[in-house]
Each structure stands twice: as structure tokens, then as C-alpha cells.
Protein backbone atom coordinates (compact mmCIF):
# COMPACT_ATOMS: atom_id res chain seq x y z
CA MET A 1 -120.16 -103.85 7.71
CA THR A 2 -117.06 -104.72 9.71
CA ASP A 3 -113.45 -104.09 8.71
CA ASP A 4 -112.97 -107.81 8.19
CA SER A 5 -115.96 -108.25 5.90
CA PHE A 6 -115.13 -105.12 3.89
CA PHE A 7 -111.56 -106.30 3.43
CA ALA A 8 -112.71 -109.81 2.50
CA GLN A 9 -115.04 -108.45 -0.18
CA LEU A 10 -112.35 -106.17 -1.62
CA ALA A 11 -109.86 -109.02 -1.67
CA ALA A 12 -112.38 -111.32 -3.36
CA ASP A 13 -113.53 -108.89 -6.06
CA ARG A 14 -110.13 -107.16 -6.36
CA CYS A 15 -111.87 -103.93 -7.25
CA LEU A 16 -113.67 -100.88 -5.86
CA ALA A 17 -115.76 -98.82 -8.27
CA VAL A 18 -115.51 -95.05 -7.81
CA VAL A 19 -118.48 -93.18 -9.26
CA ARG A 20 -118.05 -89.48 -10.04
CA ALA A 21 -121.01 -88.10 -11.96
CA VAL A 22 -123.00 -84.90 -12.26
CA GLU A 23 -126.20 -86.92 -12.11
CA ILE A 24 -127.28 -90.40 -11.02
CA PRO A 25 -130.74 -91.11 -12.46
CA ASP A 26 -131.28 -94.42 -10.64
CA GLU A 27 -129.01 -95.53 -7.83
CA ALA A 28 -130.39 -99.07 -7.64
CA LEU A 29 -129.88 -99.73 -11.35
CA LEU A 30 -126.37 -98.28 -11.24
CA CYS A 31 -125.48 -100.62 -8.39
CA ARG A 32 -127.14 -103.56 -10.10
CA ALA A 33 -125.14 -102.94 -13.27
CA LEU A 34 -121.84 -102.87 -11.39
CA VAL A 35 -122.69 -105.93 -9.31
CA GLY A 36 -123.75 -107.69 -12.51
CA GLY A 37 -120.27 -106.99 -13.82
CA GLY A 38 -118.62 -108.41 -10.72
CA ILE A 39 -117.98 -105.27 -8.65
CA ARG A 40 -119.79 -105.26 -5.31
CA SER A 41 -118.01 -102.37 -3.53
CA ILE A 42 -119.19 -98.99 -4.80
CA GLU A 43 -117.97 -95.56 -3.72
CA LEU A 44 -120.10 -92.49 -4.38
CA THR A 45 -118.19 -89.27 -3.82
CA PHE A 46 -118.83 -85.88 -2.30
CA THR A 47 -117.97 -84.38 -5.69
CA THR A 48 -121.35 -85.64 -6.94
CA PRO A 49 -124.27 -83.27 -6.33
CA ASP A 50 -126.74 -84.55 -3.70
CA VAL A 51 -124.45 -87.48 -2.94
CA LEU A 52 -126.00 -88.12 0.47
CA LEU A 53 -129.43 -88.57 -1.09
CA HIS A 54 -127.94 -90.97 -3.65
CA VAL A 55 -126.20 -92.97 -0.95
CA GLU A 56 -129.36 -93.18 1.13
CA ARG A 57 -131.32 -94.51 -1.85
CA ALA A 58 -128.58 -96.94 -2.86
CA VAL A 59 -128.34 -98.37 0.64
CA ALA A 60 -132.12 -98.59 0.96
CA THR A 61 -132.26 -100.77 -2.17
CA SER A 62 -129.25 -102.95 -1.29
CA ALA A 63 -131.42 -106.04 -0.87
CA ASP A 64 -132.29 -105.68 -4.55
CA HIS A 65 -128.80 -105.18 -5.98
CA GLY A 66 -126.39 -106.60 -3.37
CA ALA A 67 -123.81 -103.81 -3.43
CA VAL A 68 -121.95 -102.38 -0.47
CA VAL A 69 -122.11 -98.60 -0.82
CA GLY A 70 -119.73 -96.13 0.74
CA VAL A 71 -118.79 -92.48 0.42
CA GLY A 72 -115.53 -91.09 -0.90
CA THR A 73 -113.73 -87.74 -1.00
CA VAL A 74 -114.65 -87.34 2.66
CA MET A 75 -112.74 -84.33 3.92
CA THR A 76 -114.25 -83.38 7.27
CA ALA A 77 -115.70 -84.93 10.40
CA ASP A 78 -119.07 -83.34 9.58
CA GLN A 79 -119.08 -84.99 6.16
CA ALA A 80 -118.17 -88.30 7.76
CA ARG A 81 -121.02 -88.05 10.26
CA ALA A 82 -123.49 -87.03 7.53
CA ALA A 83 -122.45 -89.98 5.36
CA ILE A 84 -122.80 -92.42 8.23
CA ASP A 85 -126.20 -90.96 9.13
CA VAL A 86 -127.58 -91.84 5.68
CA GLY A 87 -126.20 -95.37 5.85
CA ALA A 88 -122.75 -95.26 4.24
CA GLN A 89 -121.11 -98.62 4.81
CA PHE A 90 -117.52 -97.41 4.46
CA LEU A 91 -115.66 -94.11 4.03
CA VAL A 92 -112.74 -93.18 1.77
CA THR A 93 -110.55 -90.08 1.91
CA PRO A 94 -108.15 -88.70 -0.73
CA GLY A 95 -105.48 -88.00 1.90
CA LEU A 96 -104.81 -88.25 5.60
CA ARG A 97 -107.88 -87.01 7.49
CA PRO A 98 -107.51 -87.84 11.20
CA ASP A 99 -110.90 -86.32 12.10
CA VAL A 100 -112.62 -88.55 9.55
CA ALA A 101 -110.78 -91.58 10.88
CA GLN A 102 -111.90 -90.78 14.42
CA VAL A 103 -115.56 -90.43 13.44
CA ALA A 104 -115.54 -93.64 11.41
CA ALA A 105 -113.72 -95.61 14.10
CA SER A 106 -116.13 -94.41 16.77
CA ALA A 107 -119.06 -95.51 14.61
CA GLY A 108 -117.47 -98.85 13.78
CA ILE A 109 -117.44 -98.06 10.06
CA PRO A 110 -114.58 -99.30 7.85
CA PHE A 111 -112.50 -96.48 6.39
CA CYS A 112 -109.72 -96.15 3.88
CA LEU A 113 -107.36 -93.18 4.20
CA GLY A 114 -105.45 -91.84 1.23
CA ALA A 115 -101.66 -91.72 1.29
CA MET A 116 -98.74 -91.36 -1.09
CA THR A 117 -95.42 -91.29 0.75
CA PRO A 118 -94.04 -93.97 3.10
CA THR A 119 -94.56 -91.59 6.01
CA GLU A 120 -98.22 -91.09 5.07
CA VAL A 121 -98.75 -94.85 4.72
CA ALA A 122 -97.42 -95.31 8.26
CA GLN A 123 -99.66 -92.53 9.57
CA ALA A 124 -102.72 -94.02 7.84
CA ILE A 125 -102.04 -97.39 9.43
CA ASP A 126 -101.52 -95.77 12.84
CA LEU A 127 -104.88 -94.00 12.46
CA GLY A 128 -106.58 -97.37 11.97
CA SER A 129 -106.94 -97.51 8.20
CA SER A 130 -107.09 -101.25 7.52
CA VAL A 131 -106.76 -100.55 3.79
CA VAL A 132 -104.63 -97.62 2.61
CA LYS A 133 -105.51 -95.90 -0.65
CA ILE A 134 -102.42 -95.00 -2.68
CA PHE A 135 -103.33 -91.85 -4.60
CA PRO A 136 -102.55 -90.71 -7.21
CA ALA A 137 -101.19 -94.12 -8.22
CA ARG A 138 -100.49 -93.20 -11.84
CA GLN A 139 -97.68 -90.85 -10.83
CA LEU A 140 -95.28 -93.63 -9.76
CA GLY A 141 -96.87 -96.76 -11.21
CA PRO A 142 -97.15 -100.36 -9.99
CA ALA A 143 -93.49 -100.70 -8.98
CA TYR A 144 -94.08 -98.15 -6.23
CA LEU A 145 -96.36 -100.62 -4.43
CA THR A 146 -93.57 -103.19 -4.50
CA ASP A 147 -91.26 -100.61 -2.93
CA LEU A 148 -93.79 -99.76 -0.22
CA HIS A 149 -94.19 -103.41 0.69
CA GLY A 150 -90.49 -103.51 1.58
CA PRO A 151 -90.92 -101.63 4.89
CA TYR A 152 -94.64 -102.41 5.11
CA PRO A 153 -95.02 -106.06 4.05
CA ASP A 154 -98.43 -106.44 5.65
CA ALA A 155 -99.95 -103.17 4.44
CA GLN A 156 -103.14 -103.58 2.44
CA LEU A 157 -102.71 -101.11 -0.42
CA LEU A 158 -105.48 -99.91 -2.73
CA PRO A 159 -104.12 -97.94 -5.71
CA SER A 160 -106.39 -95.27 -7.18
CA GLY A 161 -106.07 -92.83 -10.06
CA GLY A 162 -105.42 -93.64 -13.71
CA ILE A 163 -106.16 -97.36 -13.42
CA ASP A 164 -107.73 -99.18 -16.36
CA ALA A 165 -107.87 -102.67 -17.84
CA HIS A 166 -104.39 -102.30 -19.31
CA ASN A 167 -102.48 -101.54 -16.11
CA ALA A 168 -104.70 -103.00 -13.37
CA PRO A 169 -103.10 -106.47 -13.47
CA ALA A 170 -99.66 -104.94 -12.92
CA TYR A 171 -100.87 -103.25 -9.72
CA LEU A 172 -102.30 -106.54 -8.47
CA ASP A 173 -99.09 -108.35 -9.35
CA ALA A 174 -97.23 -105.68 -7.34
CA GLY A 175 -99.21 -106.63 -4.25
CA ALA A 176 -102.33 -104.45 -4.30
CA VAL A 177 -105.19 -105.99 -2.36
CA ALA A 178 -107.51 -104.50 -4.99
CA VAL A 179 -107.64 -101.57 -7.40
CA CYS A 180 -109.97 -98.61 -7.76
CA CYS A 181 -111.66 -98.22 -11.12
CA GLY A 182 -113.19 -94.90 -12.08
CA THR A 183 -114.14 -93.38 -15.40
CA SER A 184 -112.74 -96.26 -17.43
CA VAL A 185 -115.52 -98.45 -16.01
CA VAL A 186 -118.08 -95.86 -14.89
CA PRO A 187 -117.98 -92.95 -17.36
CA PRO A 188 -119.90 -89.95 -15.97
CA ALA A 189 -121.72 -89.49 -19.27
CA SER A 190 -122.93 -93.10 -19.23
CA VAL A 191 -124.21 -92.70 -15.67
CA ALA A 192 -126.06 -89.49 -16.53
CA ALA A 193 -127.55 -91.17 -19.62
CA ALA A 194 -128.64 -94.18 -17.54
CA ASP A 195 -126.76 -96.51 -19.88
CA TRP A 196 -126.66 -99.37 -17.43
CA ASP A 197 -125.96 -102.01 -20.09
CA GLU A 198 -122.75 -100.23 -21.09
CA ILE A 199 -121.63 -99.88 -17.48
CA GLU A 200 -122.29 -103.56 -16.78
CA ALA A 201 -120.37 -104.51 -19.93
CA ARG A 202 -117.43 -102.31 -18.89
CA ALA A 203 -117.44 -103.79 -15.38
CA THR A 204 -117.57 -107.33 -16.77
CA ALA A 205 -114.64 -106.70 -19.11
CA PHE A 206 -112.64 -105.11 -16.30
CA THR A 207 -113.19 -107.89 -13.78
CA LYS A 208 -112.35 -110.54 -16.36
CA VAL A 209 -108.93 -108.93 -16.74
CA LEU A 210 -108.50 -108.95 -12.95
CA ASN A 211 -109.44 -112.59 -12.71
CA ARG A 212 -106.94 -113.55 -15.42
CA SER A 213 -104.17 -111.92 -13.39
CA SER A 214 -104.91 -113.99 -10.26
């Protein structure tokens, strides 16, 4: 997946699902549930046990569910290479990780670096992050994105942390290209219990709110 196509999908769906779970019983059905609810970009994180195996299986079944699957909480170059080796289609970091950016750029894989301050946003852009994750977004709220767009009017910002159906539209109205949704849409307990119907229902309700704000 190219930077352009990844950005286009994020901009179209307005959402990236972040899955943090102690267990993923069926990667294909998880992805199918989220795609069924309107979320096609799915991030599995290094905080999940055996995440590389889950990513490999999710990518291998992509023709069945249609999701684009990436890896998040990537902290090191070795983790970045391992994720790419199993087929990760994009990488996400919680902060500025220049080594991860270099590995992803060399492999031609889209990546999203985490940032919080204006200086970090500038550094993320300089490192080639076409979309910059603003984390933790809940600390300063949607108005902070409006402030960041003053000096960085063209920055593609992706707020993450504490976002739910109640506040997501405000982040989009403040100029976010999309928002990250986590436990409010993909509860770890529901993933572990393989409650795919609940996850699809949560994703559907969330994306309906996003669409109303457009």
C-alpha cells in the first residue's frame, strides 16, 4: 500500500481502529466485523501477545475481509522490520521513532509517527510521516488540533487516545483527517470472547456518527 492510497482510505473512512487485546481468536472474523461496520484500516499493536502471528494471518485472509492491516506501538527498527516481514501494510508509533521511520521509508511502507508538541509535529513531518498521530489527544482536546493547524495548515493529523462517539465529531470538525478508535469500538473482552456481532455493531454506530459530522 502506498502513502497516497493509505491516506485516501483514512480520509474516506475517517477512522482507524486500534486493537489492543490479550487474545485474538480469529483475525479474519475480527477484520470482517470491523469492515462490516465501515472501518477498513486496522492496527494491531505490539502490546498484544503474538501480534506478528496475528498480523500475518490477518493479511493472508485480506481477500476475504478487505481490511488493510498494520502494526502499532512500533518502538524499534527491529520491530519495524519484523512487522514488515509478516506483511504489515502500515506502521504506527506512539512517539517520534526515527529508526522506525527509516525502516518503513526504505521498504516503501506508509507510517504514522506519534507527536504531541508543535516541535514534534514538525519533526514527524520532516521524517516523512504523511499522517501525524496526535497522542494522547484527550489531554488537550479537539481545539488543540485547530491550534496546530495555524502553523501547520497542511498537516494531516490523526488524534488518538480517549476518542469515542461523543467527541469524535469535534476532532473531525477541528481538522483531523481521521480519528483513532480503540476500546470504545473494540473492547478487549469482546475480542477475546469472539463477539464479532458486538464489535460490528459498535463500529457501525461509530462510523454513523462520523458520517453525520461530514
